[in-house]
Each structure stands twice: as structure tokens, then as C-alpha cells.
Amino acid sequence: MATKKVIGVLLLAGAFAAGVYYGNSQNAAPVITNTASGASYGGGYDQAKDAELQTSTKKSAVQQRTEVGEIHVVNDGDSIMAAVQAAKPGDTIQVMPGTYHETVYIDKDDIRIIGVIKDGKRAMLDGKGVLNDAFLYSGNNFVVENFLITRYKGNGVMGQAGNNFEIRNNIIEDTGVYGIFPQLGKNGIVEYNVISGIEDAAIYVGMSDNIHVAHNDVFENVAGIEIENSRHAIVENNNVYNNAGGILAFITPGLPIKNTYDVIIRNNFIYDNNHVNFGAPGSMVASIPSGTGILIMASDDVVVENNLIKDNKTTGILITDHANAPGVTTDPESDPNPDGIKILNNMMYHNGYDTIDEVKALMLTELKQGQPDIVRVGKSNGSCIINRHRYVTVGVNSWAECDFTNTHNIITYLLDEPVPPRVIDPSERGKVVYNGVCAGCHTYTGRMIGPPVQIIQALYMDNPQGIADFIANPTKKREDYPEMPPQNYLDEETRLAVANYLLAQTK
């Protein structure tokens, strides 16, 4: 990938010149912090102050059913979708080993779809390179596990504004844009999945809160795990390798939720993320430098702790603001700077061994050479690092010493009680669908997966029915964008509501 896509050379060349210090300060005795003890990070989430939970009716969580519903068994040759249509809230659908060619849409609450593994064989959903999505859920309290999902063009599992979800123990291969994509959800688990061959992100958490991503194996994707415009997320104990970029925490401008903060990235194996970047040309993810272990862009209060980060050729950790990131449009409502970054104990070695010219130029502004473990470009306020002497760094000389050494006090950001089911007022239908579905691929001004909303508005202007019809039966209009998947599972009234809402957007 051409390095001009990565970071603006002119911006890099002088980015830190005024803040660099030399002389005796660089020869002073290092501050060595014992990470086996010391204060623990308090985090940025207080469940007692969550207004949404204060009004909760305190119903059971996904894993705590008080009543067992009916069990529906789907055999090879049957339809999973037919079982979903017959199911009632509280029911479980067991899918026996076999091959199923369908898209399964779940718009009911409290449904569990369990693939039965028998003699090592799984239920396989095969899109045959024609279907767009395997599972789409908008219901609350949803569980899906134990499936093999392959050859879809859009997503393996996509959540559309559903709360309280568990996505686990699935094998997902070559499902187009995303492997697992919970969008606009709260209180969810993504764990023990194996995902490869995804042209954007294997696991992509979008505009969601209170998320736990753990014990996943992600490889041969453009991005391994992305936390985007989301809050209160923990990413831990994952095996992340041979992607173009390993783990990402960032803000995409132009989305309805404007920030990412309170993210803990800990205890992950992040290595050999040197795969060729095969993202859609012009998309934001296509500009990730191959060889990046962790990328933090404009996100706040991100803690990086106890990760093994090695053999990533560009750098182990790359921290940037929006101004120095390629292909990123501005959003006056999004803070463009990554503030409050906290780098604690990490095992890092053999990173930056074949770094890009722009990083080399940045290192020269601090009269440094070598293989960079940590690179920071642009503005960053209130950030800290411990044991900085261990790493080859650029851009963090002015960072303070952290006043804590670990995150032991924070076990999870998952909630003690589930979020109440999302109740959609008819007047809010267009807004919820826009945020939960459309915003997964479209920002207001910039390029994401699909064209910007502004372009759609210019094309359709006073023709919401035209958008509604296109949503149900899209055709490929631009060679430089992937084909949009049909959303014909949405009823006509909902499609028209989201079309009117889209045309009314101004930011």
C-alpha cells in the first residue's frame, strides 16, 4: 500500500519539534515502575449513575431465564428462518449439523439460536457468494452460538439496535465487510469466535456501550477488532495476528454517536499483523498501515495493558488525531484528539522493523533511530505511560507517569442487570433504523463503506420513496463502492420512515 495514504508527511515533519527536549534529561535514570503492585485504574463507568438502568424493571439477563420456553429443532434441509417465525419470546432454536443457504432475521426478544455440534460437525450457513448476511438481529436478549458461517457478501452476524446479546463460539470465514458487527447495542458479549478473511473488520463494535470482547481468534482480515464510536468496552485475551491492523479504537466522524472513550485493551496476543491491506479503496479502513499492532485514533481514555505486542512491521502502537489520519473528514461535534491515553505494562519487541518513511521522518524530529514500538502523531492531552524506557517511542516524551499500574479493579463493564428491551415509539422508527442499520456503512460527510449521506440527499432530494424502494432492492451504481445488501426484511412503512429521516439529516 502506498505510504502516502498513511500520514501526511508535511504534518509529521514538524509535529513535535516544539515539544522535543534533549540533553541531560534523556540521560537521567529511568523511572522503573513495579507493575505487580500499586494503585489500580478506576475506569470511567459508574453503573449507579446510568440513567437508563435506574429506570430498569430489572428483568433477567440473557443468561438468566426464569422460565424455559419451547425448543424448536431444525434439521438439515429445514429452514432456520421458518423456526424463527414460529418461535415466541423465551424459545430456543436448535439447529442440527447440515448446510443452510439463507439469511436469518430475528426481530423478536429473548430468542436463542444454538448450533448443535455433533461428532465435531456444525450447522453451516453458506451464502454461496450471493447472499449478503447470515444472521441479522434487532431483538433484545439474543444469543447465537456454535455456527460455521461462510461465503456471505455483507456480514456474518449483525446486530441492529438490539440490547443484551451474546455471540460466541462461531467460526466465520469470508463474510464480506464484517464478521461480527453489533451496532447500536448495549450490554453485549462477543467471545470464543474464530474469524478470518474479512475485508473490513473481523469484530466491529459500532456505537455500542458496555461491551466485552474476549477469547477470540482473528486473523487474515484487514482489521482484527475495532471499537468504533463506542464506550465502556473491554477487549481482552484475544489472539490477533496476520491482519493489516490488529486492534483499533477510534472515532469515525459523521456518525450519530460522536465519541469513543473508556476502552481497556489488555492481555491480548497481538503479533505479525503485516497482512496486505485489502480494504475497499477509498474507505477509512483501507488507509490503515499494514503492520500496525494497535491503532488509537481520536479516542479518549484508552488503557493498553499487559499485551504481548510483537513482530508488527510498522509499529506496535500507533496513536493519531483526525488531522493526521488519511481519508478522515471533519466533524465539529467530534473531538479530533486522542486524550487520556494510558499505556501501562506491555511486552513489546521486534515492532517497527520495516516501518514506513513517514514514521522515520517523525523519529528524526526527536533525533531517534531504531524500530519504533510506540508512535504518536498530532495532539494528545492528559496522557501517561509507565516504564517508557523499555520502548522505542516517538511523540510521548512529554507524557506524564501514570499514577496507577493496573486495571485489576475492573473485571467487566457488563451490567449486573440487563438493559430494558428497546421500545421504539412509531415516531422514532426512522431514527432508530437509521442509527442501527444505515450508520453501519454511511457517515454524513465522509466515505465509510457506502457513499456519504450528503451524496444520497443530493441524488434523491425530495424523493423519499425512491430511497425506500432502493433499500428494498438495491442495484450497484458505482464501481468504487461495494454493492449494498437489500434490507427488504424491513417493512415498507419502516423503509419510508428511514428515508425521510435520512433526507432530514444536517450533520
Protein backbone atom coordinates (compact mmCIF):
# COMPACT_ATOMS: atom_id res chain seq x y z
CA MET A 1 0.00 0.00 0.00
CA ALA A 2 1.37 3.43 -0.90
CA THR A 3 2.69 5.14 2.20
CA LYS A 4 1.21 8.48 1.15
CA LYS A 5 -2.13 7.10 2.32
CA VAL A 6 -0.95 6.72 5.86
CA ILE A 7 0.13 10.01 7.38
CA GLY A 8 0.70 13.44 5.86
CA VAL A 9 4.44 13.96 5.52
CA LEU A 10 4.36 17.70 5.99
CA LEU A 11 2.29 17.43 9.13
CA LEU A 12 4.59 14.79 10.54
CA ALA A 13 7.80 16.61 9.84
CA GLY A 14 7.11 19.38 12.32
CA ALA A 15 4.56 17.76 14.55
CA PHE A 16 6.66 17.61 17.68
CA ALA A 17 9.57 19.93 17.01
CA ALA A 18 8.44 22.45 19.62
CA GLY A 19 7.93 19.83 22.30
CA VAL A 20 11.11 17.80 21.96
CA TYR A 21 13.71 18.06 24.67
CA TYR A 22 17.29 16.86 24.57
CA GLY A 23 20.42 16.97 26.72
CA ASN A 24 20.76 15.72 30.25
CA SER A 25 17.07 14.89 30.64
CA GLN A 26 17.43 12.00 28.21
CA ASN A 27 20.34 10.56 30.17
CA ALA A 28 18.61 10.69 33.56
CA ALA A 29 17.93 7.49 35.49
CA PRO A 30 14.72 5.89 34.20
CA VAL A 31 11.63 5.69 36.34
CA ILE A 32 11.07 1.96 36.87
CA THR A 33 7.56 1.05 37.99
CA ASN A 34 6.75 -2.24 39.66
CA THR A 35 3.56 -3.35 37.94
CA ALA A 36 2.99 -6.25 40.34
CA SER A 37 1.64 -3.80 42.89
CA GLY A 38 0.41 -0.24 43.08
CA ALA A 39 -2.84 1.60 42.52
CA SER A 40 -5.49 0.26 40.16
CA TYR A 41 -7.29 2.23 37.47
CA GLY A 42 -10.80 3.26 38.44
CA GLY A 43 -12.30 3.33 34.98
CA GLY A 44 -14.84 5.71 33.56
CA TYR A 45 -18.14 3.97 34.21
CA ASP A 46 -20.40 4.11 37.26
CA GLN A 47 -23.36 1.78 36.84
CA ALA A 48 -25.21 3.53 39.66
CA LYS A 49 -25.27 6.75 37.61
CA ASP A 50 -26.58 5.18 34.42
CA ALA A 51 -29.97 6.79 33.98
CA GLU A 52 -31.14 4.03 31.65
CA LEU A 53 -30.53 1.42 34.32
CA GLN A 54 -32.12 3.47 37.07
CA THR A 55 -35.44 3.10 35.28
CA SER A 56 -34.86 -0.59 34.60
CA THR A 57 -37.53 -3.09 35.52
CA LYS A 58 -34.68 -5.44 36.49
CA LYS A 59 -35.67 -8.33 34.25
CA SER A 60 -33.39 -11.34 33.92
CA ALA A 61 -30.23 -11.10 31.86
CA VAL A 62 -29.81 -13.15 28.71
CA GLN A 63 -28.16 -15.97 30.64
CA GLN A 64 -30.71 -15.97 33.48
CA ARG A 65 -34.04 -17.18 32.15
CA THR A 66 -36.56 -17.87 34.86
CA GLU A 67 -38.86 -19.77 32.50
CA VAL A 68 -37.84 -22.16 29.73
CA GLY A 69 -39.76 -21.77 26.52
CA GLU A 70 -40.31 -24.22 23.71
CA ILE A 71 -37.39 -25.85 21.90
CA HIS A 72 -37.59 -25.86 18.11
CA VAL A 73 -35.32 -28.35 16.32
CA VAL A 74 -34.17 -27.55 12.78
CA ASN A 75 -32.81 -30.48 10.77
CA ASP A 76 -30.68 -30.39 7.64
CA GLY A 77 -32.96 -29.40 4.78
CA ASP A 78 -35.32 -27.39 7.00
CA SER A 79 -35.44 -23.59 7.25
CA ILE A 80 -33.95 -21.78 10.25
CA MET A 81 -35.96 -18.68 9.35
CA ALA A 82 -39.20 -20.69 9.47
CA ALA A 83 -38.32 -21.75 13.02
CA VAL A 84 -37.68 -18.12 13.98
CA GLN A 85 -41.08 -17.13 12.59
CA ALA A 86 -42.73 -19.85 14.65
CA ALA A 87 -40.82 -19.06 17.85
CA LYS A 88 -42.11 -16.95 20.72
CA PRO A 89 -40.02 -14.88 23.16
CA GLY A 90 -38.29 -17.28 25.52
CA ASP A 91 -37.91 -20.06 22.94
CA THR A 92 -34.70 -21.78 21.86
CA ILE A 93 -33.94 -22.89 18.31
CA GLN A 94 -31.53 -25.82 17.99
CA VAL A 95 -30.01 -26.21 14.53
CA MET A 96 -28.60 -29.64 13.71
CA PRO A 97 -25.46 -30.17 11.60
CA GLY A 98 -26.04 -29.60 7.90
CA THR A 99 -25.75 -26.87 5.29
CA TYR A 100 -28.22 -24.00 5.20
CA HIS A 101 -28.40 -21.34 2.47
CA GLU A 102 -30.41 -18.46 3.92
CA THR A 103 -30.48 -15.14 5.74
CA VAL A 104 -31.96 -15.34 9.24
CA TYR A 105 -33.57 -12.15 10.62
CA ILE A 106 -34.57 -12.08 14.29
CA ASP A 107 -36.84 -9.19 15.32
CA LYS A 108 -38.24 -10.85 18.47
CA ASP A 109 -36.94 -10.57 22.02
CA ASP A 110 -35.38 -13.39 24.04
CA ILE A 111 -34.58 -15.82 21.24
CA ARG A 112 -31.61 -18.19 21.39
CA ILE A 113 -30.31 -19.85 18.23
CA ILE A 114 -27.90 -22.65 19.08
CA GLY A 115 -25.99 -24.69 16.54
CA VAL A 116 -25.73 -28.29 17.70
CA ILE A 117 -22.19 -29.67 17.32
CA LYS A 118 -22.30 -33.42 16.80
CA ASP A 119 -19.17 -35.53 16.26
CA GLY A 120 -17.30 -32.31 15.50
CA LYS A 121 -19.73 -31.27 12.75
CA ARG A 122 -21.53 -27.92 12.89
CA ALA A 123 -24.53 -26.31 11.31
CA MET A 124 -23.11 -24.31 8.40
CA LEU A 125 -24.69 -21.21 6.91
CA ASP A 126 -23.31 -20.85 3.39
CA GLY A 127 -24.19 -17.70 1.46
CA LYS A 128 -22.74 -19.20 -1.75
CA GLY A 129 -21.18 -15.82 -2.53
CA VAL A 130 -24.66 -14.49 -3.34
CA LEU A 131 -26.47 -13.78 -0.07
CA ASN A 132 -25.49 -10.72 1.91
CA ASP A 133 -25.95 -11.61 5.59
CA ALA A 134 -26.19 -14.76 7.67
CA PHE A 135 -27.78 -13.50 10.93
CA LEU A 136 -29.42 -10.09 11.41
CA TYR A 137 -30.92 -9.41 14.82
CA SER A 138 -32.84 -6.42 16.13
CA GLY A 139 -34.42 -8.21 19.07
CA ASN A 140 -33.17 -7.84 22.65
CA ASN A 141 -31.76 -10.67 24.76
CA PHE A 142 -30.42 -12.55 21.74
CA VAL A 143 -27.95 -15.45 21.76
CA VAL A 144 -26.28 -17.08 18.76
CA GLU A 145 -23.56 -19.69 19.07
CA ASN A 146 -21.80 -22.72 17.57
CA PHE A 147 -22.29 -21.98 13.85
CA LEU A 148 -19.96 -22.14 10.87
CA ILE A 149 -20.70 -19.16 8.64
CA THR A 150 -19.07 -18.68 5.25
CA ARG A 151 -19.29 -17.04 1.80
CA TYR A 152 -21.63 -14.14 2.55
CA LYS A 153 -21.13 -10.73 0.93
CA GLY A 154 -22.11 -8.47 3.84
CA ASN A 155 -21.86 -9.76 7.41
CA GLY A 156 -21.73 -12.95 9.39
CA VAL A 157 -23.67 -11.71 12.42
CA MET A 158 -25.02 -8.14 12.53
CA GLY A 159 -26.92 -6.54 15.39
CA GLN A 160 -29.27 -3.68 14.59
CA ALA A 161 -30.10 -1.82 17.81
CA GLY A 162 -30.59 -4.95 19.92
CA ASN A 163 -29.56 -4.87 23.61
CA ASN A 164 -28.28 -7.73 25.78
CA PHE A 165 -26.63 -10.06 23.27
CA GLU A 166 -24.20 -12.96 23.31
CA ILE A 167 -22.30 -14.03 20.18
CA ARG A 168 -19.97 -16.89 20.90
CA ASN A 169 -18.19 -20.00 19.65
CA ASN A 170 -18.79 -19.34 15.96
CA ILE A 171 -16.40 -19.95 13.06
CA ILE A 172 -16.79 -17.19 10.47
CA GLU A 173 -14.91 -17.16 7.18
CA ASP A 174 -15.14 -14.85 4.17
CA THR A 175 -18.34 -12.97 5.01
CA GLY A 176 -17.57 -9.74 3.19
CA VAL A 177 -17.48 -6.48 5.10
CA TYR A 178 -17.73 -7.63 8.73
CA GLY A 179 -17.59 -10.91 10.58
CA ILE A 180 -19.42 -9.90 13.76
CA PHE A 181 -20.98 -6.44 13.84
CA PRO A 182 -23.12 -5.38 16.84
CA GLN A 183 -24.43 -1.91 16.02
CA LEU A 184 -26.15 0.46 18.47
CA GLY A 185 -26.48 -2.11 21.24
CA LYS A 186 -25.87 -2.10 24.96
CA ASN A 187 -24.61 -4.88 27.24
CA GLY A 188 -23.12 -7.49 24.96
CA ILE A 189 -20.57 -10.31 24.83
CA VAL A 190 -18.50 -11.40 21.82
CA GLU A 191 -16.32 -14.35 22.80
CA TYR A 192 -14.65 -17.56 21.62
CA ASN A 193 -15.18 -16.88 17.92
CA VAL A 194 -12.71 -17.70 15.12
CA ILE A 195 -12.90 -15.20 12.25
CA SER A 196 -10.87 -14.78 9.05
CA GLY A 197 -10.97 -13.36 5.53
CA ILE A 198 -12.95 -10.17 6.29
CA GLU A 199 -12.40 -7.09 4.12
CA ASP A 200 -13.10 -4.60 6.91
CA ALA A 201 -13.11 -5.93 10.49
CA ALA A 202 -13.46 -9.41 11.91
CA ILE A 203 -15.18 -7.97 15.01
CA TYR A 204 -16.59 -4.47 14.66
CA VAL A 205 -18.35 -2.92 17.64
CA GLY A 206 -20.21 0.17 16.41
CA MET A 207 -21.92 2.86 18.52
CA SER A 208 -22.40 0.49 21.46
CA ASP A 209 -21.92 0.53 25.25
CA ASN A 210 -20.89 -1.95 27.94
CA ILE A 211 -19.25 -4.49 25.66
CA HIS A 212 -16.92 -7.41 26.42
CA VAL A 213 -14.81 -8.85 23.57
CA ALA A 214 -12.73 -11.80 24.76
CA HIS A 215 -11.06 -15.07 23.78
CA ASN A 216 -11.50 -14.61 20.04
CA ASP A 217 -9.06 -15.77 17.35
CA VAL A 218 -8.94 -13.27 14.46
CA PHE A 219 -6.53 -13.47 11.52
CA GLU A 220 -6.15 -12.69 7.81
CA ASN A 221 -8.55 -9.72 7.96
CA VAL A 222 -7.97 -6.06 7.18
CA ALA A 223 -8.66 -5.25 10.84
CA GLY A 224 -8.88 -7.72 13.68
CA ILE A 225 -11.04 -5.99 16.32
CA GLU A 226 -12.48 -2.46 16.08
CA ILE A 227 -14.16 -0.43 18.80
CA GLU A 228 -15.77 2.47 16.92
CA ASN A 229 -17.80 5.34 18.40
CA SER A 230 -18.42 3.15 21.45
CA ARG A 231 -17.98 3.47 25.21
CA HIS A 232 -17.17 1.24 28.20
CA ALA A 233 -15.62 -1.67 26.32
CA ILE A 234 -13.07 -4.26 27.35
CA VAL A 235 -11.03 -6.15 24.74
CA GLU A 236 -9.04 -8.91 26.41
CA ASN A 237 -7.48 -12.34 25.97
CA ASN A 238 -7.81 -12.33 22.19
CA ASN A 239 -5.37 -13.84 19.68
CA VAL A 240 -4.91 -11.20 16.97
CA TYR A 241 -2.45 -11.92 14.17
CA ASN A 242 -1.80 -11.66 10.42
CA ASN A 243 -4.26 -8.81 9.92
CA ALA A 244 -3.27 -5.47 8.37
CA GLY A 245 -4.15 -3.83 11.70
CA GLY A 246 -4.65 -5.70 14.96
CA ILE A 247 -6.88 -3.90 17.48
CA LEU A 248 -8.40 -0.47 16.78
CA ALA A 249 -10.17 2.09 18.98
CA PHE A 250 -11.30 5.11 17.02
CA ILE A 251 -13.88 7.78 16.26
CA THR A 252 -15.41 7.88 12.81
CA PRO A 253 -16.64 11.46 12.17
CA GLY A 254 -20.15 11.97 10.90
CA LEU A 255 -21.91 9.24 12.87
CA PRO A 256 -24.82 9.88 15.27
CA ILE A 257 -22.71 8.95 18.32
CA LYS A 258 -19.72 11.29 18.36
CA ASN A 259 -17.21 9.76 20.76
CA THR A 260 -15.24 6.72 21.85
CA TYR A 261 -13.98 6.53 25.42
CA ASP A 262 -13.29 4.23 28.36
CA VAL A 263 -11.81 1.32 26.42
CA ILE A 264 -9.47 -1.22 28.03
CA ILE A 265 -7.23 -3.30 25.74
CA ARG A 266 -5.46 -5.89 27.88
CA ASN A 267 -3.96 -9.37 27.96
CA ASN A 268 -4.11 -9.85 24.18
CA PHE A 269 -1.60 -11.53 21.87
CA ILE A 270 -1.08 -9.01 19.04
CA TYR A 271 1.57 -10.16 16.60
CA ASP A 272 2.54 -10.43 12.91
CA ASN A 273 -0.19 -8.04 11.78
CA ASN A 274 1.51 -7.49 8.43
CA HIS A 275 -1.16 -8.73 6.03
CA VAL A 276 -1.69 -6.77 2.84
CA ASN A 277 -4.49 -4.25 3.36
CA PHE A 278 -7.27 -5.38 1.01
CA GLY A 279 -9.92 -2.94 2.24
CA ALA A 280 -12.23 -1.27 -0.24
CA PRO A 281 -10.23 1.50 -1.98
CA GLY A 282 -11.03 4.92 -0.55
CA SER A 283 -12.58 3.56 2.64
CA MET A 284 -11.18 4.58 6.02
CA VAL A 285 -10.02 1.08 6.84
CA ALA A 286 -8.04 0.93 3.59
CA SER A 287 -5.68 3.58 4.99
CA ILE A 288 -4.57 1.51 7.99
CA PRO A 289 -0.82 0.95 7.61
CA SER A 290 -0.14 -2.74 7.22
CA GLY A 291 1.99 -3.74 10.18
CA THR A 292 0.08 -1.88 12.91
CA GLY A 293 -0.48 -3.73 16.18
CA ILE A 294 -2.83 -1.29 17.94
CA LEU A 295 -4.31 1.86 16.36
CA ILE A 296 -5.89 4.53 18.56
CA MET A 297 -7.48 7.40 16.59
CA ALA A 298 -9.15 10.30 18.40
CA SER A 299 -10.43 8.01 21.17
CA ASP A 300 -10.21 9.10 24.82
CA ASP A 301 -9.29 7.23 27.99
CA VAL A 302 -7.96 4.12 26.28
CA VAL A 303 -5.88 1.86 28.54
CA VAL A 304 -3.34 -0.53 26.97
CA GLU A 305 -2.13 -3.10 29.48
CA ASN A 306 -0.36 -6.48 29.63
CA ASN A 307 -0.49 -7.21 25.91
CA LEU A 308 2.15 -9.17 24.02
CA ILE A 309 2.80 -6.92 21.01
CA LYS A 310 5.49 -8.17 18.66
CA ASP A 311 6.57 -8.52 15.03
CA ASN A 312 4.32 -5.75 13.68
CA LYS A 313 6.43 -4.15 10.98
CA THR A 314 5.19 -0.54 11.10
CA THR A 315 4.78 -0.09 14.87
CA GLY A 316 3.34 -1.77 17.91
CA ILE A 317 1.04 1.09 18.95
CA LEU A 318 0.04 3.99 16.66
CA ILE A 319 -1.82 6.94 18.22
CA THR A 320 -3.16 9.69 15.98
CA ASP A 321 -5.63 12.54 15.84
CA HIS A 322 -8.02 13.13 12.97
CA ALA A 323 -5.85 15.81 11.39
CA ASN A 324 -3.06 13.33 10.67
CA ALA A 325 -5.24 10.41 9.61
CA PRO A 326 -5.85 9.98 5.88
CA GLY A 327 -9.32 10.00 4.39
CA VAL A 328 -10.96 11.36 7.55
CA THR A 329 -13.44 14.20 7.22
CA THR A 330 -14.01 16.70 9.99
CA ASP A 331 -16.98 16.69 12.32
CA PRO A 332 -17.28 19.77 14.57
CA GLU A 333 -19.14 17.69 17.16
CA SER A 334 -16.35 15.11 17.49
CA ASP A 335 -13.21 15.87 19.48
CA PRO A 336 -10.44 15.03 17.00
CA ASN A 337 -7.72 14.38 19.60
CA PRO A 338 -6.86 11.16 21.46
CA ASP A 339 -6.80 12.36 25.08
CA GLY A 340 -6.17 10.43 28.27
CA ILE A 341 -4.31 7.53 26.62
CA LYS A 342 -2.78 5.28 29.28
CA ILE A 343 -0.02 2.84 28.36
CA LEU A 344 0.75 0.50 31.24
CA ASN A 345 2.87 -2.65 31.32
CA ASN A 346 3.15 -4.38 27.92
CA MET A 347 5.61 -6.86 26.45
CA MET A 348 6.76 -5.33 23.18
CA TYR A 349 9.56 -6.40 20.87
CA HIS A 350 10.57 -6.52 17.22
CA ASN A 351 7.99 -3.94 16.14
CA GLY A 352 8.68 -1.28 13.54
CA TYR A 353 11.36 -3.37 11.86
CA ASP A 354 10.20 -2.27 8.39
CA THR A 355 8.39 0.93 9.22
CA ILE A 356 7.19 3.50 6.70
CA ASP A 357 9.12 6.58 5.64
CA GLU A 358 6.69 8.94 7.36
CA VAL A 359 7.40 7.35 10.74
CA LYS A 360 11.14 7.52 10.08
CA ALA A 361 10.78 11.25 9.36
CA LEU A 362 8.84 11.72 12.56
CA MET A 363 11.54 9.94 14.55
CA LEU A 364 14.14 12.32 13.14
CA THR A 365 12.31 15.24 14.74
CA GLU A 366 13.42 13.69 18.05
CA LEU A 367 16.83 12.64 16.72
CA LYS A 368 15.87 8.98 17.11
CA GLN A 369 16.50 5.87 15.08
CA GLY A 370 15.60 2.25 15.51
CA GLN A 371 12.45 0.17 15.43
CA PRO A 372 9.52 2.11 16.93
CA ASP A 373 7.26 0.36 19.41
CA ILE A 374 5.03 3.40 20.07
CA VAL A 375 4.29 6.25 17.66
CA ARG A 376 2.14 9.26 18.49
CA VAL A 377 1.32 11.95 15.93
CA GLY A 378 -0.81 15.04 16.49
CA LYS A 379 -2.31 16.39 19.67
CA SER A 380 -2.96 14.35 22.81
CA ASN A 381 -3.77 15.81 26.21
CA GLY A 382 -3.63 14.23 29.64
CA SER A 383 -1.95 11.01 28.54
CA CYS A 384 0.50 8.90 30.54
CA ILE A 385 2.90 5.97 30.28
CA ILE A 386 4.89 3.81 32.69
CA ASN A 387 8.28 2.20 32.08
CA ARG A 388 8.78 4.21 28.92
CA HIS A 389 12.47 3.34 28.94
CA ARG A 390 11.61 -0.16 27.72
CA TYR A 391 10.35 1.00 24.35
CA VAL A 392 11.49 2.91 21.30
CA THR A 393 8.98 5.73 21.23
CA VAL A 394 8.23 8.92 19.36
CA GLY A 395 5.78 11.59 20.44
CA VAL A 396 5.39 10.59 24.09
CA ASN A 397 8.34 12.38 25.72
CA SER A 398 6.03 14.91 27.34
CA TRP A 399 3.59 12.31 28.67
CA ALA A 400 3.33 12.01 32.43
CA GLU A 401 4.00 8.95 34.53
CA CYS A 402 0.71 7.16 35.18
CA ASP A 403 -0.35 7.24 38.83
CA PHE A 404 -1.71 3.68 38.65
CA THR A 405 -0.17 0.43 37.38
CA ASN A 406 -3.03 -1.91 36.52
CA THR A 407 -6.76 -2.34 35.86
CA HIS A 408 -7.30 -5.12 38.40
CA ASN A 409 -10.31 -3.39 39.93
CA ILE A 410 -12.26 -3.54 36.66
CA ILE A 411 -13.38 -7.09 35.91
CA THR A 412 -16.00 -6.22 33.31
CA TYR A 413 -18.23 -3.41 32.09
CA LEU A 414 -21.12 -5.82 31.57
CA LEU A 415 -24.13 -4.90 33.65
CA ASP A 416 -25.43 -6.63 36.77
CA GLU A 417 -28.92 -6.49 35.31
CA PRO A 418 -29.93 -6.36 31.64
CA VAL A 419 -30.89 -3.22 29.85
CA PRO A 420 -34.65 -2.92 29.42
CA PRO A 421 -35.79 -4.01 25.96
CA ARG A 422 -35.54 -1.21 23.46
CA VAL A 423 -39.05 0.10 22.90
CA ILE A 424 -39.36 2.00 19.65
CA ASP A 425 -42.00 4.68 19.50
CA PRO A 426 -43.53 4.80 15.99
CA SER A 427 -42.39 8.41 15.64
CA GLU A 428 -38.78 7.29 16.32
CA ARG A 429 -38.78 4.35 13.91
CA GLY A 430 -36.85 6.16 11.18
CA LYS A 431 -34.22 7.42 13.60
CA VAL A 432 -33.60 4.05 15.25
CA VAL A 433 -33.31 2.21 11.94
CA TYR A 434 -31.02 4.90 10.54
CA ASN A 435 -28.74 4.67 13.59
CA GLY A 436 -28.92 0.90 13.89
CA VAL A 437 -28.65 -0.04 10.21
CA CYS A 438 -27.67 2.81 7.87
CA ALA A 439 -24.96 4.29 10.08
CA GLY A 440 -23.09 1.00 9.89
CA CYS A 441 -21.99 1.91 6.35
CA HIS A 442 -22.73 5.61 5.84
CA THR A 443 -21.43 8.72 7.59
CA TYR A 444 -22.82 12.16 6.90
CA THR A 445 -19.85 13.68 5.04
CA GLY A 446 -17.10 11.07 4.74
CA ARG A 447 -16.62 7.79 2.98
CA MET A 448 -17.12 4.65 5.04
CA ILE A 449 -18.42 1.51 3.29
CA GLY A 450 -21.10 3.30 1.32
CA PRO A 451 -21.29 6.85 -0.06
CA PRO A 452 -21.82 9.82 2.30
CA VAL A 453 -25.35 10.74 3.29
CA GLN A 454 -24.88 14.14 1.65
CA ILE A 455 -24.46 12.46 -1.73
CA ILE A 456 -27.59 10.36 -1.20
CA GLN A 457 -29.51 13.51 -0.26
CA ALA A 458 -28.33 15.27 -3.41
CA LEU A 459 -29.40 12.34 -5.59
CA TYR A 460 -32.85 11.87 -4.09
CA MET A 461 -33.68 15.33 -2.67
CA ASP A 462 -37.50 15.26 -2.41
CA ASN A 463 -37.87 11.60 -3.33
CA PRO A 464 -38.00 9.54 -0.10
CA GLN A 465 -39.98 6.82 -1.88
CA GLY A 466 -37.05 6.36 -4.24
CA ILE A 467 -34.75 5.70 -1.29
CA ALA A 468 -37.28 3.34 0.28
CA ASP A 469 -37.51 1.36 -2.95
CA PHE A 470 -33.73 1.24 -3.32
CA ILE A 471 -33.34 -0.02 0.26
CA ALA A 472 -35.53 -3.00 -0.58
CA ASN A 473 -33.93 -3.78 -3.94
CA PRO A 474 -30.58 -2.01 -4.40
CA THR A 475 -28.55 -2.16 -7.59
CA LYS A 476 -24.86 -1.48 -7.94
CA LYS A 477 -24.39 2.09 -9.21
CA ARG A 478 -20.72 2.82 -8.52
CA GLU A 479 -17.74 0.66 -9.33
CA ASP A 480 -15.72 2.18 -6.48
CA TYR A 481 -18.24 1.10 -3.79
CA PRO A 482 -19.33 -2.42 -2.83
CA GLU A 483 -22.85 -3.48 -3.65
CA MET A 484 -25.38 -2.55 -0.97
CA PRO A 485 -27.19 -5.50 0.61
CA PRO A 486 -31.00 -5.43 0.35
CA GLN A 487 -32.87 -4.50 3.50
CA ASN A 488 -36.14 -5.99 2.27
CA TYR A 489 -36.83 -7.58 5.64
CA LEU A 490 -37.82 -4.07 6.74
CA ASP A 491 -41.49 -3.38 6.02
CA GLU A 492 -42.50 -0.65 3.59
CA GLU A 493 -43.56 1.78 6.32
CA THR A 494 -40.19 1.43 8.10
CA ARG A 495 -38.22 1.90 4.87
CA LEU A 496 -40.12 5.10 4.12
CA ALA A 497 -39.61 6.37 7.68
CA VAL A 498 -35.85 5.88 7.48
CA ALA A 499 -35.77 7.51 4.03
CA ASN A 500 -37.49 10.62 5.38
CA TYR A 501 -35.18 10.69 8.39
CA LEU A 502 -32.09 10.35 6.18
CA LEU A 503 -33.16 13.24 3.95
CA ALA A 504 -33.71 15.45 7.01
CA GLN A 505 -30.18 15.00 8.38
CA THR A 506 -27.88 18.01 8.52
CA LYS A 507 -24.85 16.56 10.35
